[in-house]
PDB file of N, CA and C in Angstrom:
ATOM      1  N   UNK A   1     -15.802  30.575  -7.653  1.00  0.00           N
ATOM      2  CA  UNK A   1     -15.118  29.298  -7.427  1.00  0.00           C
ATOM      3  C   UNK A   1     -13.652  29.596  -7.157  1.00  0.00           C
ATOM      4  N   UNK A   2     -13.125  29.028  -6.082  1.00  0.00           N
ATOM      5  CA  UNK A   2     -11.729  29.256  -5.711  1.00  0.00           C
ATOM      6  C   UNK A   2     -10.877  28.197  -6.386  1.00  0.00           C
ATOM      7  N   UNK A   3      -9.798  28.568  -7.059  1.00  0.00           N
ATOM      8  CA  UNK A   3      -8.916  27.557  -7.671  1.00  0.00           C
ATOM      9  C   UNK A   3      -8.323  26.647  -6.608  1.00  0.00           C
ATOM     10  N   UNK A   4      -8.112  25.394  -6.969  1.00  0.00           N
ATOM     11  CA  UNK A   4      -7.649  24.418  -5.989  1.00  0.00           C
ATOM     12  C   UNK A   4      -6.174  24.562  -5.689  1.00  0.00           C
ATOM     13  N   UNK A   5      -5.408  25.260  -6.530  1.00  0.00           N
ATOM     14  CA  UNK A   5      -3.970  25.308  -6.363  1.00  0.00           C
ATOM     15  C   UNK A   5      -3.472  26.419  -5.463  1.00  0.00           C
ATOM     16  N   UNK A   6      -4.320  27.297  -4.926  1.00  0.00           N
ATOM     17  CA  UNK A   6      -3.825  28.419  -4.134  1.00  0.00           C
ATOM     18  C   UNK A   6      -3.695  28.091  -2.650  1.00  0.00           C
ATOM     19  N   UNK A   7      -4.053  26.897  -2.220  1.00  0.00           N
ATOM     20  CA  UNK A   7      -3.881  26.494  -0.836  1.00  0.00           C
ATOM     21  C   UNK A   7      -5.023  26.888   0.075  1.00  0.00           C
ATOM     22  N   UNK A   8      -5.943  27.717  -0.372  1.00  0.00           N
ATOM     23  CA  UNK A   8      -7.065  28.112   0.479  1.00  0.00           C
ATOM     24  C   UNK A   8      -8.243  27.173   0.221  1.00  0.00           C
ATOM     25  N   UNK A   9      -8.911  26.718   1.281  1.00  0.00           N
ATOM     26  CA  UNK A   9     -10.078  25.841   1.059  1.00  0.00           C
ATOM     27  C   UNK A   9     -11.218  26.611   0.416  1.00  0.00           C
ATOM     28  N   UNK A  10     -12.001  25.934  -0.342  1.00  0.00           N
ATOM     29  CA  UNK A  10     -13.141  26.579  -0.982  1.00  0.00           C
ATOM     30  C   UNK A  10     -14.137  26.999   0.089  1.00  0.00           C
ATOM     31  N   UNK A  11     -14.695  28.189   0.010  1.00  0.00           N
ATOM     32  CA  UNK A  11     -15.659  28.626   1.037  1.00  0.00           C
ATOM     33  C   UNK A  11     -16.921  27.771   0.991  1.00  0.00           C
ATOM     34  N   UNK A  12     -17.433  27.446   2.152  1.00  0.00           N
ATOM     35  CA  UNK A  12     -18.672  26.687   2.223  1.00  0.00           C
ATOM     36  C   UNK A  12     -18.483  25.188   2.101  1.00  0.00           C
ATOM     37  N   UNK A  13     -17.237  24.705   2.095  1.00  0.00           N
ATOM     38  CA  UNK A  13     -17.027  23.264   1.978  1.00  0.00           C
ATOM     39  C   UNK A  13     -16.838  22.636   3.348  1.00  0.00           C
ATOM     40  N   UNK A  14     -15.997  23.268   4.196  1.00  0.00           N
ATOM     41  CA  UNK A  14     -15.718  22.681   5.499  1.00  0.00           C
ATOM     42  C   UNK A  14     -16.790  23.016   6.533  1.00  0.00           C
ATOM     43  N   UNK A  15     -17.390  24.193   6.451  1.00  0.00           N
ATOM     44  CA  UNK A  15     -18.333  24.611   7.480  1.00  0.00           C
ATOM     45  C   UNK A  15     -19.546  23.683   7.594  1.00  0.00           C
ATOM     46  N   UNK A  16     -20.214  23.285   6.496  1.00  0.00           N
ATOM     47  CA  UNK A  16     -21.359  22.375   6.655  1.00  0.00           C
ATOM     48  C   UNK A  16     -20.952  21.021   7.226  1.00  0.00           C
ATOM     49  N   UNK A  17     -19.780  20.519   6.869  1.00  0.00           N
ATOM     50  CA  UNK A  17     -19.371  19.211   7.363  1.00  0.00           C
ATOM     51  C   UNK A  17     -19.114  19.261   8.859  1.00  0.00           C
ATOM     52  N   UNK A  18     -18.515  20.355   9.337  1.00  0.00           N
ATOM     53  CA  UNK A  18     -18.213  20.467  10.760  1.00  0.00           C
ATOM     54  C   UNK A  18     -19.491  20.678  11.554  1.00  0.00           C
ATOM     55  N   UNK A  19     -20.402  21.495  11.052  1.00  0.00           N
ATOM     56  CA  UNK A  19     -21.617  21.781  11.798  1.00  0.00           C
ATOM     57  C   UNK A  19     -22.571  20.586  11.785  1.00  0.00           C
ATOM     58  N   UNK A  20     -22.485  19.744  10.759  1.00  0.00           N
ATOM     59  CA  UNK A  20     -23.385  18.600  10.677  1.00  0.00           C
ATOM     60  C   UNK A  20     -22.885  17.420  11.496  1.00  0.00           C
ATOM     61  N   UNK A  21     -21.602  17.431  11.891  1.00  0.00           N
ATOM     62  CA  UNK A  21     -21.059  16.308  12.650  1.00  0.00           C
ATOM     63  C   UNK A  21     -21.566  16.379  14.083  1.00  0.00           C
ATOM     64  N   UNK A  22     -22.089  15.276  14.620  1.00  0.00           N
ATOM     65  CA  UNK A  22     -22.557  15.286  16.013  1.00  0.00           C
ATOM     66  C   UNK A  22     -21.368  15.337  16.965  1.00  0.00           C
ATOM     67  N   UNK A  23     -21.585  15.880  18.151  1.00  0.00           N
ATOM     68  CA  UNK A  23     -20.500  15.940  19.129  1.00  0.00           C
ATOM     69  C   UNK A  23     -20.210  14.536  19.658  1.00  0.00           C
ATOM     70  N   UNK A  24     -19.027  14.389  20.243  1.00  0.00           N
ATOM     71  CA  UNK A  24     -18.633  13.066  20.735  1.00  0.00           C
ATOM     72  C   UNK A  24     -19.516  12.644  21.895  1.00  0.00           C
ATOM     73  N   UNK A  25     -19.960  13.606  22.699  1.00  0.00           N
ATOM     74  CA  UNK A  25     -20.759  13.288  23.878  1.00  0.00           C
ATOM     75  C   UNK A  25     -22.239  13.102  23.561  1.00  0.00           C
ATOM     76  N   UNK A  26     -22.631  13.306  22.319  1.00  0.00           N
ATOM     77  CA  UNK A  26     -24.040  13.168  21.970  1.00  0.00           C
ATOM     78  C   UNK A  26     -24.441  11.691  22.032  1.00  0.00           C
ATOM     79  N   UNK A  27     -25.626  11.384  22.557  1.00  0.00           N
ATOM     80  CA  UNK A  27     -26.067   9.975  22.599  1.00  0.00           C
ATOM     81  C   UNK A  27     -26.312   9.439  21.194  1.00  0.00           C
ATOM     82  N   UNK A  28     -26.094   8.153  21.047  1.00  0.00           N
ATOM     83  CA  UNK A  28     -26.287   7.542  19.733  1.00  0.00           C
ATOM     84  C   UNK A  28     -27.777   7.471  19.412  1.00  0.00           C
ATOM     85  N   UNK A  29     -28.149   7.709  18.171  1.00  0.00           N
ATOM     86  CA  UNK A  29     -29.550   7.517  17.786  1.00  0.00           C
ATOM     87  C   UNK A  29     -29.914   6.034  17.860  1.00  0.00           C
ATOM     88  N   UNK A  30     -31.200   5.715  17.925  1.00  0.00           N
ATOM     89  CA  UNK A  30     -31.605   4.303  18.043  1.00  0.00           C
ATOM     90  C   UNK A  30     -31.091   3.429  16.908  1.00  0.00           C
ATOM     91  N   UNK A  31     -30.871   4.003  15.729  1.00  0.00           N
ATOM     92  CA  UNK A  31     -30.412   3.187  14.607  1.00  0.00           C
ATOM     93  C   UNK A  31     -28.977   2.731  14.795  1.00  0.00           C
ATOM     94  N   UNK A  32     -28.215   3.388  15.679  1.00  0.00           N
ATOM     95  CA  UNK A  32     -26.823   3.018  15.901  1.00  0.00           C
ATOM     96  C   UNK A  32     -26.619   2.410  17.283  1.00  0.00           C
ATOM     97  N   UNK A  33     -27.677   1.918  17.904  1.00  0.00           N
ATOM     98  CA  UNK A  33     -27.533   1.336  19.234  1.00  0.00           C
ATOM     99  C   UNK A  33     -26.721   0.049  19.153  1.00  0.00           C
ATOM    100  N   UNK A  34     -26.164  -0.353  20.284  1.00  0.00           N
ATOM    101  CA  UNK A  34     -25.255  -1.496  20.292  1.00  0.00           C
ATOM    102  C   UNK A  34     -25.999  -2.806  20.046  1.00  0.00           C
ATOM    103  N   UNK A  35     -27.256  -2.890  20.454  1.00  0.00           N
ATOM    104  CA  UNK A  35     -27.981  -4.154  20.320  1.00  0.00           C
ATOM    105  C   UNK A  35     -28.700  -4.184  18.976  1.00  0.00           C
ATOM    106  N   UNK A  36     -28.412  -5.197  18.183  1.00  0.00           N
ATOM    107  CA  UNK A  36     -29.038  -5.330  16.878  1.00  0.00           C
ATOM    108  C   UNK A  36     -30.248  -6.254  16.995  1.00  0.00           C
ATOM    109  N   UNK A  37     -31.382  -5.903  16.424  1.00  0.00           N
ATOM    110  CA  UNK A  37     -32.567  -6.767  16.542  1.00  0.00           C
ATOM    111  C   UNK A  37     -32.423  -8.086  15.797  1.00  0.00           C
ATOM    112  N   UNK A  38     -31.472  -8.161  14.845  1.00  0.00           N
ATOM    113  CA  UNK A  38     -31.342  -9.392  14.076  1.00  0.00           C
ATOM    114  C   UNK A  38     -30.438 -10.408  14.756  1.00  0.00           C
ATOM    115  N   UNK A  39     -29.799 -10.036  15.871  1.00  0.00           N
ATOM    116  CA  UNK A  39     -28.887 -10.953  16.560  1.00  0.00           C
ATOM    117  C   UNK A  39     -29.428 -11.195  17.956  1.00  0.00           C
ATOM    118  N   UNK A  40     -29.634 -12.448  18.308  1.00  0.00           N
ATOM    119  CA  UNK A  40     -30.100 -12.790  19.643  1.00  0.00           C
ATOM    120  C   UNK A  40     -29.108 -13.737  20.284  1.00  0.00           C
ATOM    121  N   UNK A  41     -28.884 -13.556  21.583  1.00  0.00           N
ATOM    122  CA  UNK A  41     -27.950 -14.409  22.309  1.00  0.00           C
ATOM    123  C   UNK A  41     -28.769 -15.268  23.261  1.00  0.00           C
ATOM    124  N   UNK A  42     -29.086 -16.487  22.837  1.00  0.00           N
ATOM    125  CA  UNK A  42     -29.902 -17.366  23.660  1.00  0.00           C
ATOM    126  C   UNK A  42     -29.052 -18.319  24.489  1.00  0.00           C
ATOM    127  N   UNK A  43     -27.762 -18.423  24.204  1.00  0.00           N
ATOM    128  CA  UNK A  43     -26.910 -19.352  24.935  1.00  0.00           C
ATOM    129  C   UNK A  43     -25.741 -19.758  24.066  1.00  0.00           C
ATOM    130  N   UNK A  44     -25.103 -20.864  24.417  1.00  0.00           N
ATOM    131  CA  UNK A  44     -23.956 -21.317  23.618  1.00  0.00           C
ATOM    132  C   UNK A  44     -24.368 -21.619  22.181  1.00  0.00           C
ATOM    133  N   UNK A  45     -23.489 -21.327  21.272  1.00  0.00           N
ATOM    134  CA  UNK A  45     -23.787 -21.551  19.856  1.00  0.00           C
ATOM    135  C   UNK A  45     -23.614 -23.030  19.536  1.00  0.00           C
ATOM    136  N   UNK A  46     -24.612 -23.599  18.895  1.00  0.00           N
ATOM    137  CA  UNK A  46     -24.526 -24.994  18.467  1.00  0.00           C
ATOM    138  C   UNK A  46     -24.162 -25.011  16.991  1.00  0.00           C
ATOM    139  N   UNK A  47     -22.939 -25.395  16.634  1.00  0.00           N
ATOM    140  CA  UNK A  47     -22.556 -25.382  15.221  1.00  0.00           C
ATOM    141  C   UNK A  47     -23.290 -26.461  14.433  1.00  0.00           C
ATOM    142  N   UNK A  48     -23.424 -26.222  13.153  1.00  0.00           N
ATOM    143  CA  UNK A  48     -24.053 -27.213  12.295  1.00  0.00           C
ATOM    144  C   UNK A  48     -23.172 -28.447  12.183  1.00  0.00           C
ATOM    145  N   UNK A  49     -23.765 -29.560  11.736  1.00  0.00           N
ATOM    146  CA  UNK A  49     -22.996 -30.788  11.579  1.00  0.00           C
ATOM    147  C   UNK A  49     -21.909 -30.623  10.523  1.00  0.00           C
ATOM    148  N   UNK A  50     -22.153 -29.782   9.535  1.00  0.00           N
ATOM    149  CA  UNK A  50     -21.154 -29.581   8.486  1.00  0.00           C
ATOM    150  C   UNK A  50     -19.961 -28.777   8.984  1.00  0.00           C
ATOM    151  N   UNK A  51     -20.089 -28.126  10.149  1.00  0.00           N
ATOM    152  CA  UNK A  51     -18.989 -27.335  10.689  1.00  0.00           C
ATOM    153  C   UNK A  51     -18.080 -28.132  11.616  1.00  0.00           C
ATOM    154  N   UNK A  52     -18.401 -29.393  11.862  1.00  0.00           N
ATOM    155  CA  UNK A  52     -17.561 -30.206  12.739  1.00  0.00           C
ATOM    156  C   UNK A  52     -16.201 -30.428  12.096  1.00  0.00           C
ATOM    157  N   UNK A  53     -15.172 -30.626  12.905  1.00  0.00           N
ATOM    158  CA  UNK A  53     -13.835 -30.869  12.325  1.00  0.00           C
ATOM    159  C   UNK A  53     -13.824 -32.117  11.458  1.00  0.00           C
ATOM    160  N   UNK A  54     -13.183 -32.003  10.314  1.00  0.00           N
ATOM    161  CA  UNK A  54     -13.160 -33.125   9.378  1.00  0.00           C
ATOM    162  C   UNK A  54     -12.252 -34.253   9.860  1.00  0.00           C
ATOM    163  N   UNK A  55     -11.360 -33.968  10.830  1.00  0.00           N
ATOM    164  CA  UNK A  55     -10.403 -34.986  11.246  1.00  0.00           C
ATOM    165  C   UNK A  55     -11.084 -36.163  11.936  1.00  0.00           C
ATOM    166  N   UNK A  56     -12.288 -35.984  12.429  1.00  0.00           N
ATOM    167  CA  UNK A  56     -12.978 -37.081  13.116  1.00  0.00           C
ATOM    168  C   UNK A  56     -13.588 -38.072  12.133  1.00  0.00           C
ATOM    169  N   UNK A  57     -13.816 -37.635  10.922  1.00  0.00           N
ATOM    170  CA  UNK A  57     -14.523 -38.490   9.970  1.00  0.00           C
ATOM    171  C   UNK A  57     -13.699 -38.671   8.707  1.00  0.00           C
ATOM    172  N   UNK A  58     -12.381 -38.877   8.858  1.00  0.00           N
ATOM    173  CA  UNK A  58     -11.558 -39.066   7.673  1.00  0.00           C
ATOM    174  C   UNK A  58     -11.892 -40.395   7.002  1.00  0.00           C
ATOM    175  N   UNK A  59     -12.013 -40.399   5.694  1.00  0.00           N
ATOM    176  CA  UNK A  59     -12.272 -41.667   4.998  1.00  0.00           C
ATOM    177  C   UNK A  59     -11.031 -42.544   5.002  1.00  0.00           C
ATOM    178  N   UNK A  60     -11.234 -43.823   4.834  1.00  0.00           N
ATOM    179  CA  UNK A  60     -10.126 -44.780   4.775  1.00  0.00           C
ATOM    180  C   UNK A  60      -9.464 -44.651   3.410  1.00  0.00           C
ATOM    181  N   UNK A  61      -8.217 -44.180   3.402  1.00  0.00           N
ATOM    182  CA  UNK A  61      -7.486 -43.994   2.156  1.00  0.00           C
ATOM    183  C   UNK A  61      -6.513 -45.148   1.998  1.00  0.00           C
ATOM    184  N   UNK A  62      -6.554 -45.853   0.875  1.00  0.00           N
ATOM    185  CA  UNK A  62      -5.612 -46.971   0.687  1.00  0.00           C
ATOM    186  C   UNK A  62      -4.183 -46.463   0.588  1.00  0.00           C
ATOM    187  N   UNK A  63      -3.237 -47.281   1.032  1.00  0.00           N
ATOM    188  CA  UNK A  63      -1.830 -46.906   0.973  1.00  0.00           C
ATOM    189  C   UNK A  63      -1.380 -46.789  -0.469  1.00  0.00           C
ATOM    190  N   UNK A  64      -0.514 -45.814  -0.729  1.00  0.00           N
ATOM    191  CA  UNK A  64      -0.005 -45.645  -2.084  1.00  0.00           C
ATOM    192  C   UNK A  64       0.966 -46.769  -2.421  1.00  0.00           C
ATOM    193  N   UNK A  65       1.851 -47.076  -1.471  1.00  0.00           N
ATOM    194  CA  UNK A  65       2.823 -48.153  -1.691  1.00  0.00           C
ATOM    195  C   UNK A  65       2.353 -49.403  -0.954  1.00  0.00           C
ATOM    196  N   UNK A  66       2.338 -50.530  -1.604  1.00  0.00           N
ATOM    197  CA  UNK A  66       1.976 -51.775  -0.900  1.00  0.00           C
ATOM    198  C   UNK A  66       3.039 -52.135   0.133  1.00  0.00           C
ATOM    199  N   UNK A  67       2.665 -53.021   1.072  1.00  0.00           N
ATOM    200  CA  UNK A  67       3.575 -53.380   2.163  1.00  0.00           C
ATOM    201  C   UNK A  67       4.838 -54.074   1.658  1.00  0.00           C
ATOM    202  N   UNK A  68       4.735 -54.867   0.601  1.00  0.00           N
ATOM    203  CA  UNK A  68       5.918 -55.603   0.134  1.00  0.00           C
ATOM    204  C   UNK A  68       6.914 -54.704  -0.598  1.00  0.00           C
ATOM    205  N   UNK A  69       6.574 -53.437  -0.833  1.00  0.00           N
ATOM    206  CA  UNK A  69       7.480 -52.528  -1.514  1.00  0.00           C
ATOM    207  C   UNK A  69       8.102 -51.544  -0.526  1.00  0.00           C
ATOM    208  N   UNK A  70       8.170 -51.943   0.760  1.00  0.00           N
ATOM    209  CA  UNK A  70       8.732 -51.052   1.780  1.00  0.00           C
ATOM    210  C   UNK A  70      10.209 -50.801   1.510  1.00  0.00           C
ATOM    211  N   UNK A  71      10.660 -49.605   1.844  1.00  0.00           N
ATOM    212  CA  UNK A  71      12.070 -49.274   1.624  1.00  0.00           C
ATOM    213  C   UNK A  71      12.946 -49.986   2.663  1.00  0.00           C
ATOM    214  N   UNK A  72      14.187 -50.318   2.308  1.00  0.00           N
ATOM    215  CA  UNK A  72      15.077 -51.013   3.258  1.00  0.00           C
ATOM    216  C   UNK A  72      15.479 -50.112   4.417  1.00  0.00           C
TER     217      UNK A  72
END
């Protein structure tokens, strides 16, 4: 075992990691393909009714100050 403080990497640590890394030009395996089977693009997304902007359906909120208490 090589001590960690001498600046030299431990033998057998970097070599397996470098040899196991695929090259950049290697084709992606099927598990890493760009198209995911769980996502389908059938057309424009139709949002749920709960996702609509709330500003269209604001409830009627009574005024805090009555009209006769208007400031001068």
